[in-house]
Amino acid sequence: MDKLALIASRVLLAQLFIISGFGKITGYAGTQGYMQAMGVPGALLPLVILVELGGGLLLVAGLFTRWVALALAGFTLVSALIFHTHFADQIQMIMFMKNLSITGGLLLLAFPGALGAGKPAR
């Protein structure tokens, strides 16, 4: 059951990145403009797409899970800090908290160790 739960966790977290990566491809110009408006060079968009699509697909496949989860956790936290800190807008606050929650899930994938799911504290 633990193995099935970990597979489900990887797939559920990965789908967000895969869908977002494809969305950035289909809405390339708009995404690039939004990035630039937020002070992020639009030239970084191909790298962002690679991180989202590549990272998502690697998570689904279960390849390099610890390192991919760590990279995506960092990416998600940084994107929260860059794009979702206008807390006067409730939607941005929700997006910020969503990103923090996703980061937490990714860290659980990266570090399932002694205090991970299903293991009691010692």
Protein backbone atom coordinates (compact mmCIF):
# COMPACT_ATOMS: atom_id res chain seq x y z
CA MET A 1 0.00 0.00 0.00
CA ASP A 2 2.85 2.42 0.79
CA LYS A 3 4.31 1.84 -2.67
CA LEU A 4 0.95 2.54 -4.32
CA ALA A 5 0.54 5.72 -2.27
CA LEU A 6 3.99 6.95 -3.34
CA ILE A 7 3.22 6.26 -7.00
CA ALA A 8 -0.08 8.12 -6.68
CA SER A 9 1.70 11.02 -4.95
CA ARG A 10 4.28 11.27 -7.72
CA VAL A 11 1.64 11.19 -10.47
CA LEU A 12 -0.68 13.67 -8.75
CA LEU A 13 2.13 16.16 -8.12
CA ALA A 14 3.61 15.65 -11.58
CA GLN A 15 0.38 16.31 -13.48
CA LEU A 16 0.42 19.95 -12.35
CA PHE A 17 3.88 20.50 -13.83
CA ILE A 18 3.15 18.61 -17.05
CA ILE A 19 -0.08 20.52 -17.69
CA SER A 20 1.59 23.84 -16.80
CA GLY A 21 4.51 23.11 -19.13
CA PHE A 22 2.19 22.38 -22.04
CA GLY A 23 0.17 25.49 -21.20
CA LYS A 24 3.30 27.58 -21.45
CA ILE A 25 4.03 26.13 -24.88
CA THR A 26 0.54 26.82 -26.20
CA GLY A 27 0.46 30.28 -24.63
CA TYR A 28 4.12 31.06 -25.22
CA ALA A 29 3.87 34.78 -26.05
CA GLY A 30 1.46 35.51 -23.21
CA THR A 31 3.57 33.62 -20.69
CA GLN A 32 6.72 35.37 -21.86
CA GLY A 33 5.00 38.75 -21.51
CA TYR A 34 3.77 37.89 -18.01
CA MET A 35 7.26 36.81 -16.96
CA GLN A 36 8.75 40.05 -18.27
CA ALA A 37 6.06 42.12 -16.53
CA MET A 38 7.10 40.43 -13.26
CA GLY A 39 10.78 41.23 -13.86
CA VAL A 40 11.83 37.78 -15.08
CA PRO A 41 13.61 37.64 -18.46
CA GLY A 42 11.34 36.08 -21.07
CA ALA A 43 14.38 34.28 -22.46
CA LEU A 44 14.13 31.92 -19.45
CA LEU A 45 10.80 30.52 -20.65
CA PRO A 46 12.33 27.53 -22.53
CA LEU A 47 14.16 26.57 -19.32
CA VAL A 48 10.94 26.89 -17.31
CA ILE A 49 9.13 24.65 -19.81
CA LEU A 50 11.97 22.12 -19.63
CA VAL A 51 11.86 22.09 -15.82
CA GLU A 52 8.08 21.66 -15.72
CA LEU A 53 7.71 19.08 -18.49
CA GLY A 54 10.96 17.23 -17.83
CA GLY A 55 10.55 17.24 -14.07
CA GLY A 56 6.92 16.17 -14.29
CA LEU A 57 7.68 13.30 -16.66
CA LEU A 58 10.62 12.13 -14.54
CA LEU A 59 8.40 12.11 -11.44
CA VAL A 60 5.76 10.02 -13.22
CA ALA A 61 8.46 7.59 -14.36
CA GLY A 62 9.96 7.44 -10.87
CA LEU A 63 13.40 8.37 -12.17
CA PHE A 64 15.75 10.42 -9.98
CA THR A 65 12.76 11.11 -7.73
CA ARG A 66 14.69 12.66 -4.84
CA TRP A 67 16.63 15.09 -7.03
CA VAL A 68 13.70 15.94 -9.28
CA ALA A 69 11.44 16.52 -6.28
CA LEU A 70 14.07 18.79 -4.72
CA ALA A 71 14.51 20.76 -7.94
CA LEU A 72 10.75 21.15 -8.41
CA ALA A 73 10.33 22.15 -4.75
CA GLY A 74 12.91 24.91 -5.18
CA PHE A 75 11.37 25.97 -8.49
CA THR A 76 7.88 26.08 -6.96
CA LEU A 77 9.00 28.07 -3.93
CA VAL A 78 10.90 30.59 -6.05
CA SER A 79 7.95 31.01 -8.40
CA ALA A 80 5.68 31.63 -5.39
CA LEU A 81 8.03 34.35 -4.16
CA ILE A 82 8.31 35.98 -7.59
CA PHE A 83 4.76 35.72 -8.91
CA HIS A 84 2.39 35.40 -5.94
CA THR A 85 3.34 37.85 -3.18
CA HIS A 86 0.73 40.53 -3.85
CA PHE A 87 -1.23 39.42 -0.80
CA ALA A 88 -3.81 42.22 -1.04
CA ASP A 89 -5.24 40.15 -3.90
CA GLN A 90 -6.84 37.11 -2.28
CA ILE A 91 -6.29 35.00 -5.42
CA GLN A 92 -2.54 35.66 -5.18
CA MET A 93 -2.57 34.68 -1.51
CA ILE A 94 -4.32 31.41 -2.45
CA MET A 95 -1.79 30.79 -5.25
CA PHE A 96 1.07 31.46 -2.81
CA MET A 97 -0.35 28.99 -0.27
CA LYS A 98 -0.96 26.43 -3.06
CA ASN A 99 2.69 26.68 -4.05
CA LEU A 100 3.79 26.24 -0.44
CA SER A 101 1.61 23.13 -0.18
CA ILE A 102 3.03 21.69 -3.40
CA THR A 103 6.54 22.40 -2.10
CA GLY A 104 5.69 20.46 1.06
CA GLY A 105 4.45 17.49 -0.95
CA LEU A 106 7.59 17.50 -3.07
CA LEU A 107 9.80 17.62 0.03
CA LEU A 108 7.97 14.56 1.36
CA LEU A 109 8.84 12.76 -1.88
CA ALA A 110 12.47 13.87 -1.59
CA PHE A 111 12.93 13.01 2.10
CA PRO A 112 10.65 10.15 3.13
CA GLY A 113 13.15 9.19 5.89
CA ALA A 114 12.47 8.45 9.56
CA LEU A 115 9.61 10.93 9.92
CA GLY A 116 8.08 10.21 6.52
CA ALA A 117 4.61 8.84 5.99
CA GLY A 118 3.90 5.63 7.88
CA LYS A 119 6.95 5.78 10.14
CA PRO A 120 6.55 6.82 13.79
CA ALA A 121 8.89 9.33 15.43
CA ARG A 122 11.60 7.73 17.54
